[in-house]
Amino acid sequence: MGTMPRFVVLALLLAPLGGCCVAFRSAGPRRITPWPPGSPPEPEKMKAVSIDFKGLTGPTADDLLLPPRSQLIYRNASHWAYYRSERFIHVRPEPAPAELHAELRLYEQQSRSPRFVRALNLLSFGLVPAWERRDMVLVTTITDQKNRRLGRFQEAASVTTWHHLLLLLAFPFGPPPGVAADTVYDLNRATIVGAYDQGIY
């Protein structure tokens, strides 16, 4: 009986280590250079853009919204990309008035290692590795004030996250929320560059 409390304490201390995880981008848009795109526009020619962002769980209209935390992370990353592009005088959320409207739909599909592998990962306190993959597709539709479509762009990327005890020291360099946010940021950058090349932005 005397060893039981020590075992429980040890298990409680080791349990969080099973959640050590690192994410990396396994696919994504081409390298975006230079950034911001093109030469700085003249201030009087800059336009305001309003952004309507939604994160969805798949490619159909019936899919559910992503969890609120993911919505917030991805929305902020998208707005930050537009702000840092230096192409717009204002970057606002819909339904704010603006000369340009960008409808952003981020579709995220998730796949995971088999259930028994995830169970082994948990029971072994992270010694058995487990993984999960997020495939992201960003579809952006740009319209003007009269709701005329100016362009439609699609960019895709994937993020893979590994769960393993030995990743404890690597975690600060690849936290999954940060890697996912950077990926969405780059998807938007690629879209902005595409729209700039076509003379829309």
N, C-alpha and C. Protein backbone atom coordinates (compact mmCIF):
# COMPACT_ATOMS: atom_id res chain seq x y z
N MET A 1 0.83 -1.21 0.00
CA MET A 1 0.00 0.00 0.00
C MET A 1 0.86 1.25 0.00
N GLY A 2 2.05 1.15 0.62
CA GLY A 2 2.89 2.34 0.71
C GLY A 2 3.42 2.78 -0.63
N THR A 3 3.57 1.83 -1.57
CA THR A 3 4.09 2.18 -2.90
C THR A 3 3.00 2.71 -3.83
N MET A 4 1.77 2.45 -3.51
CA MET A 4 0.67 2.86 -4.40
C MET A 4 0.58 4.38 -4.55
N PRO A 5 0.61 5.15 -3.47
CA PRO A 5 0.54 6.60 -3.64
C PRO A 5 1.71 7.14 -4.48
N ARG A 6 2.90 6.55 -4.30
CA ARG A 6 4.04 7.02 -5.08
C ARG A 6 3.85 6.72 -6.57
N PHE A 7 3.25 5.56 -6.88
CA PHE A 7 2.98 5.22 -8.26
C PHE A 7 1.98 6.19 -8.88
N VAL A 8 0.95 6.52 -8.11
CA VAL A 8 -0.07 7.46 -8.61
C VAL A 8 0.54 8.82 -8.85
N VAL A 9 1.37 9.27 -7.91
CA VAL A 9 2.03 10.57 -8.07
C VAL A 9 2.92 10.56 -9.31
N LEU A 10 3.68 9.47 -9.51
CA LEU A 10 4.55 9.36 -10.68
C LEU A 10 3.75 9.37 -11.97
N ALA A 11 2.63 8.67 -11.96
CA ALA A 11 1.78 8.63 -13.16
C ALA A 11 1.23 10.02 -13.48
N LEU A 12 0.83 10.74 -12.44
CA LEU A 12 0.31 12.09 -12.65
C LEU A 12 1.38 13.03 -13.18
N LEU A 13 2.62 12.82 -12.74
CA LEU A 13 3.71 13.67 -13.23
C LEU A 13 4.10 13.34 -14.66
N LEU A 14 3.99 12.07 -15.04
CA LEU A 14 4.38 11.65 -16.38
C LEU A 14 3.28 11.86 -17.42
N ALA A 15 2.03 11.88 -16.97
CA ALA A 15 0.91 11.96 -17.91
C ALA A 15 1.01 13.16 -18.84
N PRO A 16 1.34 14.38 -18.33
CA PRO A 16 1.43 15.51 -19.26
C PRO A 16 2.49 15.34 -20.32
N LEU A 17 3.53 14.53 -20.04
CA LEU A 17 4.60 14.34 -21.02
C LEU A 17 4.10 13.62 -22.26
N GLY A 18 3.05 12.81 -22.11
CA GLY A 18 2.48 12.14 -23.27
C GLY A 18 1.90 13.10 -24.27
N GLY A 19 1.63 14.33 -23.84
CA GLY A 19 1.08 15.33 -24.74
C GLY A 19 2.13 16.15 -25.44
N CYS A 20 3.43 15.85 -25.25
CA CYS A 20 4.49 16.60 -25.93
C CYS A 20 4.33 16.41 -27.43
N CYS A 21 4.24 17.47 -28.16
CA CYS A 21 3.99 17.36 -29.58
C CYS A 21 4.67 18.49 -30.34
N VAL A 22 5.00 18.21 -31.57
CA VAL A 22 5.64 19.18 -32.46
C VAL A 22 4.95 19.09 -33.81
N ALA A 23 4.67 20.23 -34.40
CA ALA A 23 4.03 20.28 -35.71
C ALA A 23 5.00 20.81 -36.75
N PHE A 24 4.84 20.36 -37.97
CA PHE A 24 5.63 20.89 -39.07
C PHE A 24 4.77 20.89 -40.33
N ARG A 25 5.12 21.75 -41.24
CA ARG A 25 4.38 21.88 -42.49
C ARG A 25 4.85 20.82 -43.46
N SER A 26 3.95 19.94 -43.87
CA SER A 26 4.33 18.87 -44.79
C SER A 26 4.01 19.21 -46.24
N ALA A 27 3.26 20.26 -46.48
CA ALA A 27 2.97 20.75 -47.83
C ALA A 27 2.48 22.18 -47.69
N GLY A 28 2.68 22.96 -48.74
CA GLY A 28 2.25 24.36 -48.65
C GLY A 28 2.54 25.12 -49.92
N PRO A 29 2.17 26.40 -49.93
CA PRO A 29 2.38 27.20 -51.13
C PRO A 29 3.86 27.44 -51.39
N ARG A 30 4.15 27.85 -52.61
CA ARG A 30 5.53 28.15 -52.99
C ARG A 30 6.08 29.27 -52.11
N ARG A 31 7.40 29.36 -52.08
CA ARG A 31 8.04 30.39 -51.27
C ARG A 31 7.64 31.77 -51.79
N ILE A 32 7.27 32.64 -50.86
CA ILE A 32 6.72 33.95 -51.23
C ILE A 32 7.80 35.01 -51.02
N THR A 33 8.40 35.44 -52.09
CA THR A 33 9.39 36.52 -52.04
C THR A 33 9.22 37.38 -53.29
N PRO A 34 9.41 38.68 -53.24
CA PRO A 34 9.59 39.42 -51.99
C PRO A 34 8.26 39.67 -51.29
N TRP A 35 8.34 40.14 -50.10
CA TRP A 35 7.13 40.49 -49.33
C TRP A 35 7.38 41.77 -48.57
N PRO A 36 6.51 42.75 -48.62
CA PRO A 36 5.23 42.83 -49.32
C PRO A 36 5.42 42.79 -50.85
N PRO A 37 4.37 42.42 -51.57
CA PRO A 37 4.49 42.28 -53.02
C PRO A 37 4.55 43.64 -53.72
N GLY A 38 5.44 43.74 -54.70
CA GLY A 38 5.51 44.94 -55.53
C GLY A 38 6.01 46.16 -54.78
N SER A 39 6.04 47.25 -55.49
CA SER A 39 6.45 48.52 -54.87
C SER A 39 5.28 49.12 -54.10
N PRO A 40 5.55 49.89 -53.07
CA PRO A 40 4.46 50.47 -52.27
C PRO A 40 3.53 51.32 -53.14
N PRO A 41 2.22 51.10 -53.04
CA PRO A 41 1.28 51.90 -53.84
C PRO A 41 1.20 53.34 -53.33
N GLU A 42 0.78 54.22 -54.18
CA GLU A 42 0.58 55.60 -53.77
C GLU A 42 -0.59 55.66 -52.80
N PRO A 43 -0.45 56.42 -51.71
CA PRO A 43 -1.50 56.43 -50.67
C PRO A 43 -2.89 56.73 -51.21
N GLU A 44 -2.98 57.65 -52.18
CA GLU A 44 -4.31 58.02 -52.69
C GLU A 44 -4.94 56.91 -53.53
N LYS A 45 -4.15 55.92 -53.94
CA LYS A 45 -4.67 54.83 -54.75
C LYS A 45 -4.95 53.58 -53.93
N MET A 46 -4.63 53.62 -52.66
CA MET A 46 -4.87 52.45 -51.81
C MET A 46 -6.36 52.33 -51.48
N LYS A 47 -6.83 51.10 -51.40
CA LYS A 47 -8.24 50.84 -51.13
C LYS A 47 -8.40 50.12 -49.79
N ALA A 48 -9.60 50.22 -49.25
CA ALA A 48 -9.93 49.46 -48.04
C ALA A 48 -10.46 48.09 -48.45
N VAL A 49 -10.21 47.10 -47.61
CA VAL A 49 -10.72 45.75 -47.87
C VAL A 49 -11.42 45.25 -46.61
N SER A 50 -12.55 44.64 -46.81
CA SER A 50 -13.26 44.00 -45.70
C SER A 50 -13.17 42.48 -45.88
N ILE A 51 -12.96 41.79 -44.78
CA ILE A 51 -12.70 40.35 -44.83
C ILE A 51 -13.82 39.59 -44.12
N ASP A 52 -14.39 38.65 -44.83
CA ASP A 52 -15.41 37.75 -44.28
C ASP A 52 -14.76 36.38 -44.17
N PHE A 53 -14.37 36.00 -42.95
CA PHE A 53 -13.64 34.75 -42.74
C PHE A 53 -14.51 33.71 -42.05
N LYS A 54 -14.41 32.47 -42.55
CA LYS A 54 -15.04 31.32 -41.88
C LYS A 54 -14.12 30.11 -42.04
N GLY A 55 -13.93 29.39 -40.93
CA GLY A 55 -13.20 28.14 -40.97
C GLY A 55 -14.18 26.99 -40.86
N LEU A 56 -14.11 26.06 -41.81
CA LEU A 56 -15.06 24.96 -41.89
C LEU A 56 -14.33 23.62 -41.83
N THR A 57 -15.09 22.56 -41.52
CA THR A 57 -14.47 21.25 -41.32
C THR A 57 -14.30 20.45 -42.59
N GLY A 58 -14.76 20.95 -43.72
CA GLY A 58 -14.63 20.19 -44.96
C GLY A 58 -15.03 20.99 -46.17
N PRO A 59 -15.09 20.36 -47.34
CA PRO A 59 -15.29 21.10 -48.58
C PRO A 59 -16.73 21.35 -49.00
N THR A 60 -17.72 21.03 -48.18
CA THR A 60 -19.11 21.22 -48.60
C THR A 60 -19.78 22.27 -47.74
N ALA A 61 -20.87 22.80 -48.26
CA ALA A 61 -21.57 23.89 -47.57
C ALA A 61 -22.23 23.42 -46.27
N ASP A 62 -22.42 22.10 -46.13
CA ASP A 62 -23.09 21.58 -44.93
C ASP A 62 -22.14 21.32 -43.78
N ASP A 63 -20.84 21.58 -43.97
CA ASP A 63 -19.89 21.27 -42.92
C ASP A 63 -19.98 22.25 -41.77
N LEU A 64 -19.52 21.80 -40.62
CA LEU A 64 -19.61 22.60 -39.41
C LEU A 64 -18.45 23.58 -39.31
N LEU A 65 -18.66 24.61 -38.52
CA LEU A 65 -17.60 25.57 -38.25
C LEU A 65 -16.51 24.92 -37.41
N LEU A 66 -15.30 25.37 -37.60
CA LEU A 66 -14.21 24.92 -36.75
C LEU A 66 -14.42 25.44 -35.33
N PRO A 67 -13.76 24.85 -34.34
CA PRO A 67 -13.91 25.33 -32.95
C PRO A 67 -13.55 26.80 -32.82
N PRO A 68 -14.14 27.49 -31.84
CA PRO A 68 -13.90 28.94 -31.68
C PRO A 68 -12.42 29.32 -31.59
N ARG A 69 -11.62 28.50 -30.89
CA ARG A 69 -10.19 28.82 -30.75
C ARG A 69 -9.50 28.80 -32.11
N SER A 70 -9.79 27.79 -32.92
CA SER A 70 -9.20 27.72 -34.26
C SER A 70 -9.69 28.87 -35.12
N GLN A 71 -10.98 29.20 -35.01
CA GLN A 71 -11.52 30.34 -35.77
C GLN A 71 -10.73 31.61 -35.45
N LEU A 72 -10.50 31.84 -34.16
CA LEU A 72 -9.81 33.05 -33.75
C LEU A 72 -8.38 33.08 -34.26
N ILE A 73 -7.66 31.96 -34.12
CA ILE A 73 -6.26 31.90 -34.57
C ILE A 73 -6.17 32.12 -36.07
N TYR A 74 -7.00 31.44 -36.84
CA TYR A 74 -6.93 31.53 -38.29
C TYR A 74 -7.42 32.88 -38.80
N ARG A 75 -8.45 33.43 -38.15
CA ARG A 75 -8.94 34.75 -38.56
C ARG A 75 -7.87 35.81 -38.32
N ASN A 76 -7.24 35.77 -37.16
CA ASN A 76 -6.19 36.75 -36.87
C ASN A 76 -5.02 36.62 -37.84
N ALA A 77 -4.64 35.39 -38.16
CA ALA A 77 -3.54 35.19 -39.11
C ALA A 77 -3.89 35.75 -40.48
N SER A 78 -5.14 35.59 -40.88
CA SER A 78 -5.58 36.10 -42.19
C SER A 78 -5.56 37.63 -42.21
N HIS A 79 -6.12 38.24 -41.19
CA HIS A 79 -6.13 39.71 -41.13
C HIS A 79 -4.70 40.25 -41.08
N TRP A 80 -3.83 39.57 -40.35
CA TRP A 80 -2.45 40.02 -40.23
C TRP A 80 -1.74 39.99 -41.59
N ALA A 81 -2.02 38.97 -42.39
CA ALA A 81 -1.42 38.88 -43.72
C ALA A 81 -1.86 40.06 -44.59
N TYR A 82 -3.13 40.39 -44.54
CA TYR A 82 -3.62 41.52 -45.34
C TYR A 82 -3.04 42.84 -44.84
N TYR A 83 -2.95 42.97 -43.53
CA TYR A 83 -2.38 44.20 -42.97
C TYR A 83 -0.91 44.34 -43.33
N ARG A 84 -0.14 43.26 -43.23
CA ARG A 84 1.29 43.31 -43.50
C ARG A 84 1.61 43.42 -45.00
N SER A 85 0.61 43.19 -45.84
CA SER A 85 0.86 43.30 -47.29
C SER A 85 1.09 44.74 -47.73
N GLU A 86 0.64 45.70 -46.92
CA GLU A 86 0.81 47.12 -47.21
C GLU A 86 0.16 47.54 -48.53
N ARG A 87 -0.88 46.80 -48.95
CA ARG A 87 -1.60 47.13 -50.18
C ARG A 87 -2.92 47.86 -49.88
N PHE A 88 -3.31 47.95 -48.62
CA PHE A 88 -4.64 48.46 -48.30
C PHE A 88 -4.55 49.58 -47.27
N ILE A 89 -5.42 50.55 -47.43
CA ILE A 89 -5.43 51.66 -46.48
C ILE A 89 -6.11 51.22 -45.18
N HIS A 90 -7.08 50.29 -45.29
CA HIS A 90 -7.75 49.73 -44.11
C HIS A 90 -8.03 48.25 -44.35
N VAL A 91 -7.89 47.46 -43.30
CA VAL A 91 -8.28 46.05 -43.33
C VAL A 91 -9.31 45.86 -42.23
N ARG A 92 -10.54 45.57 -42.65
CA ARG A 92 -11.66 45.54 -41.70
C ARG A 92 -12.40 44.21 -41.79
N PRO A 93 -13.05 43.82 -40.70
CA PRO A 93 -13.92 42.64 -40.77
C PRO A 93 -15.26 43.01 -41.40
N GLU A 94 -15.86 42.05 -42.09
CA GLU A 94 -17.22 42.27 -42.61
C GLU A 94 -18.16 42.49 -41.43
N PRO A 95 -19.19 43.32 -41.59
CA PRO A 95 -19.69 43.94 -42.81
C PRO A 95 -19.25 45.40 -42.98
N ALA A 96 -18.06 45.74 -42.54
CA ALA A 96 -17.59 47.12 -42.65
C ALA A 96 -17.53 47.53 -44.13
N PRO A 97 -17.88 48.78 -44.42
CA PRO A 97 -17.83 49.23 -45.82
C PRO A 97 -16.40 49.30 -46.33
N ALA A 98 -16.21 48.92 -47.59
CA ALA A 98 -14.88 48.93 -48.20
C ALA A 98 -15.03 48.82 -49.71
N GLU A 99 -13.97 49.24 -50.41
CA GLU A 99 -14.00 49.14 -51.88
C GLU A 99 -13.88 47.70 -52.35
N LEU A 100 -13.18 46.89 -51.58
CA LEU A 100 -12.99 45.48 -51.93
C LEU A 100 -13.50 44.59 -50.80
N HIS A 101 -14.06 43.45 -51.17
CA HIS A 101 -14.53 42.47 -50.19
C HIS A 101 -13.86 41.14 -50.49
N ALA A 102 -13.28 40.55 -49.47
CA ALA A 102 -12.62 39.25 -49.60
C ALA A 102 -13.36 38.23 -48.75
N GLU A 103 -13.96 37.25 -49.42
CA GLU A 103 -14.64 36.16 -48.72
C GLU A 103 -13.64 35.01 -48.58
N LEU A 104 -13.22 34.73 -47.35
CA LEU A 104 -12.24 33.69 -47.08
C LEU A 104 -12.94 32.48 -46.47
N ARG A 105 -12.75 31.33 -47.10
CA ARG A 105 -13.28 30.07 -46.57
C ARG A 105 -12.11 29.09 -46.43
N LEU A 106 -11.80 28.79 -45.19
CA LEU A 106 -10.71 27.86 -44.90
C LEU A 106 -11.31 26.51 -44.55
N TYR A 107 -11.07 25.51 -45.39
CA TYR A 107 -11.58 24.16 -45.17
C TYR A 107 -10.46 23.31 -44.58
N GLU A 108 -10.72 22.72 -43.44
CA GLU A 108 -9.71 21.92 -42.75
C GLU A 108 -10.25 20.51 -42.54
N GLN A 109 -9.54 19.52 -43.07
CA GLN A 109 -9.88 18.12 -42.86
C GLN A 109 -8.78 17.47 -42.04
N GLN A 110 -9.17 16.73 -41.03
CA GLN A 110 -8.21 16.16 -40.10
C GLN A 110 -8.20 14.64 -40.19
N SER A 111 -7.01 14.07 -40.22
CA SER A 111 -6.85 12.62 -40.14
C SER A 111 -5.87 12.31 -39.02
N ARG A 112 -6.01 11.12 -38.42
CA ARG A 112 -5.20 10.76 -37.27
C ARG A 112 -4.67 9.34 -37.40
N SER A 113 -3.68 9.05 -36.59
CA SER A 113 -3.19 7.68 -36.50
C SER A 113 -4.31 6.80 -35.95
N PRO A 114 -4.26 5.48 -36.19
CA PRO A 114 -5.35 4.60 -35.73
C PRO A 114 -5.60 4.73 -34.23
N ARG A 115 -6.81 4.40 -33.84
CA ARG A 115 -7.23 4.57 -32.45
C ARG A 115 -6.35 3.79 -31.48
N PHE A 116 -5.95 2.58 -31.88
CA PHE A 116 -5.14 1.78 -30.95
C PHE A 116 -3.76 2.39 -30.77
N VAL A 117 -3.24 3.09 -31.79
CA VAL A 117 -1.95 3.76 -31.66
C VAL A 117 -2.07 4.94 -30.70
N ARG A 118 -3.17 5.67 -30.80
CA ARG A 118 -3.38 6.79 -29.87
C ARG A 118 -3.53 6.29 -28.45
N ALA A 119 -4.19 5.14 -28.29
CA ALA A 119 -4.33 4.55 -26.95
C ALA A 119 -2.98 4.14 -26.40
N LEU A 120 -2.14 3.54 -27.24
CA LEU A 120 -0.81 3.15 -26.80
C LEU A 120 0.03 4.37 -26.46
N ASN A 121 -0.15 5.43 -27.23
CA ASN A 121 0.58 6.68 -26.94
C ASN A 121 0.22 7.20 -25.55
N LEU A 122 -1.07 7.13 -25.21
CA LEU A 122 -1.52 7.60 -23.91
C LEU A 122 -1.06 6.68 -22.79
N LEU A 123 -1.21 5.38 -23.00
CA LEU A 123 -0.87 4.43 -21.95
C LEU A 123 0.64 4.34 -21.71
N SER A 124 1.43 4.63 -22.74
CA SER A 124 2.90 4.57 -22.59
C SER A 124 3.49 5.92 -22.21
N PHE A 125 2.61 6.88 -21.87
CA PHE A 125 3.05 8.23 -21.51
C PHE A 125 3.88 8.87 -22.63
N GLY A 126 3.51 8.57 -23.87
CA GLY A 126 4.15 9.23 -25.01
C GLY A 126 5.31 8.47 -25.62
N LEU A 127 5.65 7.30 -25.10
CA LEU A 127 6.78 6.55 -25.68
C LEU A 127 6.43 5.99 -27.05
N VAL A 128 5.16 5.62 -27.27
CA VAL A 128 4.70 5.19 -28.59
C VAL A 128 4.21 6.43 -29.33
N PRO A 129 4.80 6.76 -30.47
CA PRO A 129 4.42 7.99 -31.17
C PRO A 129 3.04 7.89 -31.83
N ALA A 130 2.38 9.02 -31.90
CA ALA A 130 1.10 9.13 -32.61
C ALA A 130 1.14 10.42 -33.42
N TRP A 131 0.30 10.49 -34.44
CA TRP A 131 0.33 11.66 -35.32
C TRP A 131 -1.09 12.08 -35.69
N GLU A 132 -1.18 13.31 -36.15
CA GLU A 132 -2.41 13.80 -36.75
C GLU A 132 -2.04 14.79 -37.86
N ARG A 133 -2.88 14.85 -38.88
CA ARG A 133 -2.59 15.69 -40.05
C ARG A 133 -3.79 16.57 -40.36
N ARG A 134 -3.50 17.82 -40.65
CA ARG A 134 -4.55 18.77 -41.04
C ARG A 134 -4.29 19.21 -42.47
N ASP A 135 -5.23 18.93 -43.34
CA ASP A 135 -5.16 19.40 -44.73
C ASP A 135 -6.02 20.64 -44.85
N MET A 136 -5.39 21.74 -45.23
CA MET A 136 -6.08 23.03 -45.30
C MET A 136 -6.20 23.50 -46.74
N VAL A 137 -7.37 24.00 -47.08
CA VAL A 137 -7.60 24.62 -48.38
C VAL A 137 -8.24 25.98 -48.14
N LEU A 138 -7.59 27.03 -48.61
CA LEU A 138 -8.12 28.38 -48.47
C LEU A 138 -8.67 28.84 -49.81
N VAL A 139 -9.97 29.11 -49.85
CA VAL A 139 -10.63 29.61 -51.05
C VAL A 139 -11.02 31.06 -50.80
N THR A 140 -10.52 31.96 -51.64
CA THR A 140 -10.77 33.40 -51.47
C THR A 140 -11.48 33.93 -52.70
N THR A 141 -12.63 34.56 -52.47
CA THR A 141 -13.39 35.20 -53.54
C THR A 141 -13.39 36.70 -53.30
N ILE A 142 -12.95 37.45 -54.29
CA ILE A 142 -12.82 38.91 -54.17
C ILE A 142 -13.88 39.57 -55.02
N THR A 143 -14.63 40.49 -54.41
CA THR A 143 -15.66 41.24 -55.12
C THR A 143 -15.49 42.73 -54.85
N ASP A 144 -16.17 43.54 -55.69
CA ASP A 144 -16.12 44.98 -55.47
C ASP A 144 -17.36 45.43 -54.73
N GLN A 145 -17.55 46.75 -54.64
CA GLN A 145 -18.69 47.28 -53.89
C GLN A 145 -20.03 46.91 -54.50
N LYS A 146 -20.04 46.61 -55.81
CA LYS A 146 -21.28 46.23 -56.49
C LYS A 146 -21.45 44.71 -56.54
N ASN A 147 -20.65 44.01 -55.75
CA ASN A 147 -20.72 42.56 -55.64
C ASN A 147 -20.34 41.85 -56.94
N ARG A 148 -19.55 42.49 -57.77
CA ARG A 148 -19.03 41.86 -58.98
C ARG A 148 -17.75 41.09 -58.65
N ARG A 149 -17.71 39.86 -59.09
CA ARG A 149 -16.53 39.05 -58.78
C ARG A 149 -15.33 39.52 -59.59
N LEU A 150 -14.24 39.78 -58.87
CA LEU A 150 -12.99 40.19 -59.50
C LEU A 150 -12.00 39.06 -59.63
N GLY A 151 -12.13 38.05 -58.79
CA GLY A 151 -11.21 36.92 -58.86
C GLY A 151 -11.51 35.89 -57.79
N ARG A 152 -11.07 34.66 -58.05
CA ARG A 152 -11.22 33.57 -57.09
C ARG A 152 -9.91 32.80 -57.05
N PHE A 153 -9.42 32.56 -55.84
CA PHE A 153 -8.11 31.94 -55.68
C PHE A 153 -8.20 30.79 -54.68
N GLN A 154 -7.38 29.79 -54.91
CA GLN A 154 -7.35 28.63 -54.02
C GLN A 154 -5.91 28.25 -53.73
N GLU A 155 -5.61 28.10 -52.45
CA GLU A 155 -4.28 27.68 -51.99
C GLU A 155 -4.45 26.56 -50.98
N ALA A 156 -3.49 25.63 -50.95
CA ALA A 156 -3.60 24.47 -50.06
C ALA A 156 -2.29 24.24 -49.31
N ALA A 157 -2.41 23.65 -48.13
CA ALA A 157 -1.24 23.32 -47.31
C ALA A 157 -1.63 22.20 -46.35
N SER A 158 -0.63 21.56 -45.78
CA SER A 158 -0.86 20.50 -44.81
C SER A 158 0.07 20.69 -43.61
N VAL A 159 -0.44 20.37 -42.44
CA VAL A 159 0.34 20.44 -41.20
C VAL A 159 0.23 19.09 -40.50
N THR A 160 1.39 18.50 -40.17
CA THR A 160 1.42 17.22 -39.46
C THR A 160 1.96 17.44 -38.05
N THR A 161 1.29 16.88 -37.07
CA THR A 161 1.70 16.99 -35.68
C THR A 161 2.04 15.61 -35.14
N TRP A 162 3.21 15.49 -34.53
CA TRP A 162 3.65 14.24 -33.91
C TRP A 162 3.60 14.38 -32.39
N HIS A 163 3.09 13.34 -31.73
CA HIS A 163 3.04 13.26 -30.27
C HIS A 163 4.03 12.20 -29.81
N HIS A 164 5.01 12.60 -29.04
CA HIS A 164 6.03 11.65 -28.57
C HIS A 164 6.75 12.25 -27.38
N LEU A 165 7.11 11.41 -26.44
CA LEU A 165 7.76 11.86 -25.22
C LEU A 165 9.07 12.58 -25.52
N LEU A 166 9.84 12.08 -26.49
CA LEU A 166 11.15 12.66 -26.79
C LEU A 166 11.07 14.02 -27.48
N LEU A 167 9.86 14.44 -27.80
CA LEU A 167 9.68 15.76 -28.43
C LEU A 167 9.56 16.87 -27.40
N LEU A 168 9.74 16.54 -26.14
CA LEU A 168 9.61 17.53 -25.07
C LEU A 168 10.51 18.74 -25.30
N LEU A 169 11.78 18.49 -25.67
CA LEU A 169 12.71 19.60 -25.87
C LEU A 169 12.46 20.35 -27.17
N ALA A 170 11.83 19.69 -28.14
CA ALA A 170 11.57 20.33 -29.43
C ALA A 170 10.29 21.14 -29.43
N PHE A 171 9.43 20.93 -28.42
CA PHE A 171 8.12 21.58 -28.42
C PHE A 171 8.18 23.10 -28.58
N PRO A 172 9.11 23.80 -27.90
CA PRO A 172 9.10 25.26 -28.05
C PRO A 172 9.32 25.74 -29.48
N PHE A 173 9.89 24.88 -30.33
CA PHE A 173 10.24 25.30 -31.69
C PHE A 173 9.17 24.93 -32.72
N GLY A 174 8.16 24.21 -32.32
CA GLY A 174 7.12 23.84 -33.27
C GLY A 174 5.78 23.62 -32.62
N PRO A 175 5.28 24.58 -31.83
CA PRO A 175 3.97 24.39 -31.19
C PRO A 175 2.88 24.33 -32.26
N PRO A 176 2.00 23.34 -32.20
CA PRO A 176 0.97 23.18 -33.23
C PRO A 176 0.15 24.43 -33.52
N PRO A 177 -0.34 25.18 -32.50
CA PRO A 177 -1.13 26.38 -32.85
C PRO A 177 -0.32 27.41 -33.63
N GLY A 178 0.97 27.56 -33.27
CA GLY A 178 1.81 28.53 -33.97
C GLY A 178 2.09 28.12 -35.39
N VAL A 179 2.37 26.83 -35.61
CA VAL A 179 2.64 26.34 -36.97
C VAL A 179 1.39 26.46 -37.83
N ALA A 180 0.23 26.13 -37.26
CA ALA A 180 -1.03 26.25 -38.02
C ALA A 180 -1.31 27.71 -38.38
N ALA A 181 -1.07 28.62 -37.44
CA ALA A 181 -1.29 30.04 -37.71
C ALA A 181 -0.34 30.54 -38.80
N ASP A 182 0.93 30.14 -38.75
CA ASP A 182 1.89 30.54 -39.77
C ASP A 182 1.50 29.99 -41.14
N THR A 183 0.94 28.79 -41.15
CA THR A 183 0.53 28.19 -42.42
C THR A 183 -0.63 28.97 -43.03
N VAL A 184 -1.62 29.32 -42.22
CA VAL A 184 -2.75 30.10 -42.73
C VAL A 184 -2.28 31.49 -43.18
N TYR A 185 -1.34 32.05 -42.44
CA TYR A 185 -0.76 33.34 -42.82
C TYR A 185 -0.14 33.25 -44.22
N ASP A 186 0.61 32.19 -44.48
CA ASP A 186 1.25 32.03 -45.78
C ASP A 186 0.26 31.70 -46.89
N LEU A 187 -0.81 30.99 -46.57
CA LEU A 187 -1.86 30.75 -47.56
C LEU A 187 -2.46 32.08 -48.03
N ASN A 188 -2.68 32.97 -47.08
CA ASN A 188 -3.21 34.28 -47.43
C ASN A 188 -2.20 35.12 -48.20
N ARG A 189 -0.93 35.02 -47.81
CA ARG A 189 0.10 35.74 -48.56
C ARG A 189 0.15 35.29 -50.01
N ALA A 190 0.08 33.97 -50.23
CA ALA A 190 0.09 33.46 -51.60
C ALA A 190 -1.13 33.96 -52.38
N THR A 191 -2.28 34.04 -51.71
CA THR A 191 -3.48 34.55 -52.36
C THR A 191 -3.31 36.02 -52.73
N ILE A 192 -2.77 36.80 -51.81
CA ILE A 192 -2.57 38.23 -52.06
C ILE A 192 -1.61 38.44 -53.23
N VAL A 193 -0.55 37.65 -53.29
CA VAL A 193 0.40 37.76 -54.40
C VAL A 193 -0.29 37.41 -55.72
N GLY A 194 -1.12 36.36 -55.71
CA GLY A 194 -1.86 35.99 -56.92
C GLY A 194 -2.80 37.09 -57.38
N ALA A 195 -3.50 37.71 -56.42
CA ALA A 195 -4.41 38.81 -56.76
C ALA A 195 -3.63 40.03 -57.23
N TYR A 196 -2.46 40.27 -56.65
CA TYR A 196 -1.62 41.39 -57.08
C TYR A 196 -1.13 41.17 -58.50
N ASP A 197 -0.71 39.96 -58.82
CA ASP A 197 -0.24 39.65 -60.18
C ASP A 197 -1.31 39.85 -61.23
N GLN A 198 -2.58 39.69 -60.84
CA GLN A 198 -3.68 39.89 -61.78
C GLN A 198 -4.23 41.31 -61.77
N GLY A 199 -3.59 42.17 -60.98
CA GLY A 199 -4.01 43.57 -60.94
C GLY A 199 -5.23 43.85 -60.11
N ILE A 200 -5.63 42.90 -59.24
CA ILE A 200 -6.81 43.10 -58.41
C ILE A 200 -6.45 43.89 -57.16
N TYR A 201 -5.32 43.54 -56.53
CA TYR A 201 -4.86 44.24 -55.34
C TYR A 201 -3.75 45.20 -55.73
